[in-house]
C-alpha atoms as a PDB file:
ATOM      1  CA  UNK A   1     -61.069  61.073  58.502  1.00  0.00           C
ATOM      2  CA  UNK A   2     -58.050  59.275  59.905  1.00  0.00           C
ATOM      3  CA  UNK A   3     -54.422  59.854  59.043  1.00  0.00           C
ATOM      4  CA  UNK A   4     -52.029  57.534  57.237  1.00  0.00           C
ATOM      5  CA  UNK A   5     -50.178  55.954  60.155  1.00  0.00           C
ATOM      6  CA  UNK A   6     -47.136  55.026  58.018  1.00  0.00           C
ATOM      7  CA  UNK A   7     -45.895  58.578  58.450  1.00  0.00           C
ATOM      8  CA  UNK A   8     -46.662  58.665  62.198  1.00  0.00           C
ATOM      9  CA  UNK A   9     -44.104  57.992  64.922  1.00  0.00           C
ATOM     10  CA  UNK A  10     -44.749  58.077  68.661  1.00  0.00           C
ATOM     11  CA  UNK A  11     -41.674  58.399  70.851  1.00  0.00           C
ATOM     12  CA  UNK A  12     -40.573  59.629  74.277  1.00  0.00           C
ATOM     13  CA  UNK A  13     -39.836  63.338  74.377  1.00  0.00           C
ATOM     14  CA  UNK A  14     -36.294  64.548  74.964  1.00  0.00           C
ATOM     15  CA  UNK A  15     -34.681  67.893  75.773  1.00  0.00           C
ATOM     16  CA  UNK A  16     -34.394  68.761  72.072  1.00  0.00           C
ATOM     17  CA  UNK A  17     -38.201  68.859  71.975  1.00  0.00           C
ATOM     18  CA  UNK A  18     -38.473  71.527  74.702  1.00  0.00           C
ATOM     19  CA  UNK A  19     -39.007  74.554  72.383  1.00  0.00           C
ATOM     20  CA  UNK A  20     -41.853  72.850  70.504  1.00  0.00           C
ATOM     21  CA  UNK A  21     -43.389  71.512  73.717  1.00  0.00           C
ATOM     22  CA  UNK A  22     -43.243  74.981  75.327  1.00  0.00           C
ATOM     23  CA  UNK A  23     -45.073  76.327  72.265  1.00  0.00           C
ATOM     24  CA  UNK A  24     -47.688  73.549  72.559  1.00  0.00           C
ATOM     25  CA  UNK A  25     -48.184  74.355  76.239  1.00  0.00           C
ATOM     26  CA  UNK A  26     -48.917  78.041  75.554  1.00  0.00           C
ATOM     27  CA  UNK A  27     -51.298  77.113  72.726  1.00  0.00           C
ATOM     28  CA  UNK A  28     -53.026  74.704  75.117  1.00  0.00           C
ATOM     29  CA  UNK A  29     -53.307  77.406  77.801  1.00  0.00           C
ATOM     30  CA  UNK A  30     -54.776  79.834  75.253  1.00  0.00           C
ATOM     31  CA  UNK A  31     -57.319  77.209  74.155  1.00  0.00           C
ATOM     32  CA  UNK A  32     -58.323  76.541  77.771  1.00  0.00           C
ATOM     33  CA  UNK A  33     -58.677  80.197  78.838  1.00  0.00           C
ATOM     34  CA  UNK A  34     -62.325  80.479  77.678  1.00  0.00           C
ATOM     35  CA  UNK A  35     -63.202  77.504  79.914  1.00  0.00           C
ATOM     36  CA  UNK A  36     -61.435  78.766  83.051  1.00  0.00           C
ATOM     37  CA  UNK A  37     -61.908  82.284  84.446  1.00  0.00           C
ATOM     38  CA  UNK A  38     -59.372  81.547  87.210  1.00  0.00           C
ATOM     39  CA  UNK A  39     -56.358  81.515  84.854  1.00  0.00           C
ATOM     40  CA  UNK A  40     -53.992  84.489  85.106  1.00  0.00           C
ATOM     41  CA  UNK A  41     -53.278  86.639  82.070  1.00  0.00           C
ATOM     42  CA  UNK A  42     -50.012  86.250  80.164  1.00  0.00           C
ATOM     43  CA  UNK A  43     -47.761  83.249  79.811  1.00  0.00           C
ATOM     44  CA  UNK A  44     -48.610  80.338  82.127  1.00  0.00           C
ATOM     45  CA  UNK A  45     -46.718  77.106  82.633  1.00  0.00           C
ATOM     46  CA  UNK A  46     -48.885  74.429  84.220  1.00  0.00           C
ATOM     47  CA  UNK A  47     -45.744  72.363  84.812  1.00  0.00           C
ATOM     48  CA  UNK A  48     -42.012  72.254  84.167  1.00  0.00           C
ATOM     49  CA  UNK A  49     -41.699  70.221  80.971  1.00  0.00           C
ATOM     50  CA  UNK A  50     -37.971  69.536  81.392  1.00  0.00           C
ATOM     51  CA  UNK A  51     -38.614  68.243  84.919  1.00  0.00           C
ATOM     52  CA  UNK A  52     -41.315  65.923  83.561  1.00  0.00           C
ATOM     53  CA  UNK A  53     -38.930  64.615  80.875  1.00  0.00           C
ATOM     54  CA  UNK A  54     -36.379  63.785  83.589  1.00  0.00           C
ATOM     55  CA  UNK A  55     -38.921  62.302  86.043  1.00  0.00           C
ATOM     56  CA  UNK A  56     -38.852  58.479  86.169  1.00  0.00           C
ATOM     57  CA  UNK A  57     -42.540  58.404  87.190  1.00  0.00           C
ATOM     58  CA  UNK A  58     -43.533  60.342  84.053  1.00  0.00           C
ATOM     59  CA  UNK A  59     -43.463  59.533  80.360  1.00  0.00           C
ATOM     60  CA  UNK A  60     -43.941  62.412  77.921  1.00  0.00           C
ATOM     61  CA  UNK A  61     -44.686  61.194  74.432  1.00  0.00           C
ATOM     62  CA  UNK A  62     -44.597  63.176  71.215  1.00  0.00           C
ATOM     63  CA  UNK A  63     -46.255  62.242  67.958  1.00  0.00           C
ATOM     64  CA  UNK A  64     -44.375  63.020  64.766  1.00  0.00           C
ATOM     65  CA  UNK A  65     -45.657  63.174  61.217  1.00  0.00           C
ATOM     66  CA  UNK A  66     -42.901  63.341  58.605  1.00  0.00           C
ATOM     67  CA  UNK A  67     -40.383  64.225  61.367  1.00  0.00           C
ATOM     68  CA  UNK A  68     -42.470  67.167  62.641  1.00  0.00           C
ATOM     69  CA  UNK A  69     -43.896  67.065  66.180  1.00  0.00           C
ATOM     70  CA  UNK A  70     -47.682  67.345  65.884  1.00  0.00           C
ATOM     71  CA  UNK A  71     -48.907  66.174  69.288  1.00  0.00           C
ATOM     72  CA  UNK A  72     -47.890  65.552  72.878  1.00  0.00           C
ATOM     73  CA  UNK A  73     -49.140  64.043  76.094  1.00  0.00           C
ATOM     74  CA  UNK A  74     -47.816  62.643  79.326  1.00  0.00           C
ATOM     75  CA  UNK A  75     -48.605  59.815  81.682  1.00  0.00           C
ATOM     76  CA  UNK A  76     -47.532  60.087  85.305  1.00  0.00           C
ATOM     77  CA  UNK A  77     -47.757  57.581  88.109  1.00  0.00           C
ATOM     78  CA  UNK A  78     -49.497  59.201  91.075  1.00  0.00           C
ATOM     79  CA  UNK A  79     -50.417  58.083  94.575  1.00  0.00           C
ATOM     80  CA  UNK A  80     -54.163  57.772  95.156  1.00  0.00           C
ATOM     81  CA  UNK A  81     -56.016  59.019  98.211  1.00  0.00           C
ATOM     82  CA  UNK A  82     -55.957  56.552 101.134  1.00  0.00           C
ATOM     83  CA  UNK A  83     -59.687  55.855 100.733  1.00  0.00           C
ATOM     84  CA  UNK A  84     -59.494  55.012  97.018  1.00  0.00           C
ATOM     85  CA  UNK A  85     -59.535  51.497  95.597  1.00  0.00           C
ATOM     86  CA  UNK A  86     -56.143  51.665  93.850  1.00  0.00           C
ATOM     87  CA  UNK A  87     -52.948  52.745  95.630  1.00  0.00           C
ATOM     88  CA  UNK A  88     -51.451  54.166  92.436  1.00  0.00           C
ATOM     89  CA  UNK A  89     -52.957  55.401  89.198  1.00  0.00           C
ATOM     90  CA  UNK A  90     -51.790  56.780  85.888  1.00  0.00           C
ATOM     91  CA  UNK A  91     -52.613  60.435  85.332  1.00  0.00           C
ATOM     92  CA  UNK A  92     -52.691  61.786  81.783  1.00  0.00           C
ATOM     93  CA  UNK A  93     -51.984  65.415  80.971  1.00  0.00           C
ATOM     94  CA  UNK A  94     -50.565  67.825  78.387  1.00  0.00           C
ATOM     95  CA  UNK A  95     -52.809  66.277  75.748  1.00  0.00           C
ATOM     96  CA  UNK A  96     -52.307  68.429  72.668  1.00  0.00           C
ATOM     97  CA  UNK A  97     -52.752  67.851  68.938  1.00  0.00           C
ATOM     98  CA  UNK A  98     -51.834  70.546  66.386  1.00  0.00           C
ATOM     99  CA  UNK A  99     -54.987  72.034  64.890  1.00  0.00           C
ATOM    100  CA  UNK A 100     -54.392  70.744  61.351  1.00  0.00           C
ATOM    101  CA  UNK A 101     -54.166  67.157  62.675  1.00  0.00           C
ATOM    102  CA  UNK A 102     -57.263  67.185  64.908  1.00  0.00           C
ATOM    103  CA  UNK A 103     -60.101  64.820  64.097  1.00  0.00           C
ATOM    104  CA  UNK A 104     -57.769  62.336  62.390  1.00  0.00           C
ATOM    105  CA  UNK A 105     -57.282  59.791  65.162  1.00  0.00           C
ATOM    106  CA  UNK A 106     -54.014  61.199  66.547  1.00  0.00           C
ATOM    107  CA  UNK A 107     -55.350  61.650  70.083  1.00  0.00           C
ATOM    108  CA  UNK A 108     -56.565  58.042  70.062  1.00  0.00           C
ATOM    109  CA  UNK A 109     -53.115  56.783  69.038  1.00  0.00           C
ATOM    110  CA  UNK A 110     -51.489  58.936  71.714  1.00  0.00           C
ATOM    111  CA  UNK A 111     -53.937  57.828  74.415  1.00  0.00           C
ATOM    112  CA  UNK A 112     -53.328  54.164  73.569  1.00  0.00           C
ATOM    113  CA  UNK A 113     -49.541  54.639  73.732  1.00  0.00           C
ATOM    114  CA  UNK A 114     -49.814  56.410  77.100  1.00  0.00           C
ATOM    115  CA  UNK A 115     -52.133  53.722  78.486  1.00  0.00           C
ATOM    116  CA  UNK A 116     -49.660  51.079  77.311  1.00  0.00           C
ATOM    117  CA  UNK A 117     -46.853  52.825  79.244  1.00  0.00           C
ATOM    118  CA  UNK A 118     -49.030  52.996  82.381  1.00  0.00           C
ATOM    119  CA  UNK A 119     -49.783  49.277  82.056  1.00  0.00           C
ATOM    120  CA  UNK A 120     -46.042  48.572  81.682  1.00  0.00           C
ATOM    121  CA  UNK A 121     -45.634  50.152  85.130  1.00  0.00           C
ATOM    122  CA  UNK A 122     -48.044  47.586  86.593  1.00  0.00           C
ATOM    123  CA  UNK A 123     -50.917  50.066  86.916  1.00  0.00           C
ATOM    124  CA  UNK A 124     -54.424  49.450  85.615  1.00  0.00           C
ATOM    125  CA  UNK A 125     -56.292  52.707  86.291  1.00  0.00           C
ATOM    126  CA  UNK A 126     -55.880  55.898  84.271  1.00  0.00           C
ATOM    127  CA  UNK A 127     -57.395  59.299  85.050  1.00  0.00           C
ATOM    128  CA  UNK A 128     -57.339  62.729  83.487  1.00  0.00           C
ATOM    129  CA  UNK A 129     -58.994  66.097  83.865  1.00  0.00           C
ATOM    130  CA  UNK A 130     -60.790  67.966  81.109  1.00  0.00           C
ATOM    131  CA  UNK A 131     -62.860  71.118  81.076  1.00  0.00           C
ATOM    132  CA  UNK A 132     -66.523  70.101  80.910  1.00  0.00           C
ATOM    133  CA  UNK A 133     -67.221  72.778  78.271  1.00  0.00           C
ATOM    134  CA  UNK A 134     -64.402  71.461  76.052  1.00  0.00           C
ATOM    135  CA  UNK A 135     -66.855  69.234  74.239  1.00  0.00           C
ATOM    136  CA  UNK A 136     -64.457  68.027  71.525  1.00  0.00           C
ATOM    137  CA  UNK A 137     -61.954  66.837  74.123  1.00  0.00           C
ATOM    138  CA  UNK A 138     -64.672  65.249  76.262  1.00  0.00           C
ATOM    139  CA  UNK A 139     -65.936  63.323  73.222  1.00  0.00           C
ATOM    140  CA  UNK A 140     -62.403  62.151  72.346  1.00  0.00           C
ATOM    141  CA  UNK A 141     -61.815  60.893  75.893  1.00  0.00           C
ATOM    142  CA  UNK A 142     -65.198  59.192  76.052  1.00  0.00           C
ATOM    143  CA  UNK A 143     -64.425  57.507  72.726  1.00  0.00           C
ATOM    144  CA  UNK A 144     -61.215  56.220  74.358  1.00  0.00           C
ATOM    145  CA  UNK A 145     -63.205  54.697  77.235  1.00  0.00           C
ATOM    146  CA  UNK A 146     -63.084  57.450  79.874  1.00  0.00           C
ATOM    147  CA  UNK A 147     -66.138  58.264  81.993  1.00  0.00           C
ATOM    148  CA  UNK A 148     -66.903  61.353  84.077  1.00  0.00           C
ATOM    149  CA  UNK A 149     -66.800  60.834  87.842  1.00  0.00           C
ATOM    150  CA  UNK A 150     -66.579  64.330  89.351  1.00  0.00           C
ATOM    151  CA  UNK A 151     -67.403  67.894  88.385  1.00  0.00           C
ATOM    152  CA  UNK A 152     -65.512  70.790  89.972  1.00  0.00           C
ATOM    153  CA  UNK A 153     -67.636  73.876  90.493  1.00  0.00           C
ATOM    154  CA  UNK A 154     -66.766  77.439  91.507  1.00  0.00           C
ATOM    155  CA  UNK A 155     -68.253  80.885  91.996  1.00  0.00           C
ATOM    156  CA  UNK A 156     -67.068  84.382  92.862  1.00  0.00           C
ATOM    157  CA  UNK A 157     -68.496  85.769  96.089  1.00  0.00           C
ATOM    158  CA  UNK A 158     -68.651  89.266  97.525  1.00  0.00           C
ATOM    159  CA  UNK A 159     -70.285  91.062 100.414  1.00  0.00           C
END
């Protein structure tokens, strides 16, 4: 079931959004904990949101429904490895949709807006990382055209 897009606005984040974005980040961390045994306990900040808002190579977007922020995501221009085909690529992160708005097409709208920003920077490749066991997110990204290219693996070792 998709949402009525008349009440949806997608805009760049600003400093006034920091409290809501900090809340989203902790909710995102909590949702990812079951997929990642390497995460520390307690509050974790994957990145400095204010720094990302101020960074010219990054665009944080928020999605609003009836003037309430319901989703976020960022696109960042990154330098590729010297052996990779493209010199620069767009990296997507901080993809979050409030639980009551999931499954309604919000992530697709957000992904399209972020891809559009990356294209406006003259870049034609976009990458992201997602936990393999986060099946709902994997499906959403595949629906948006993403394909898996690498799996990170780990194990604990002892003598």
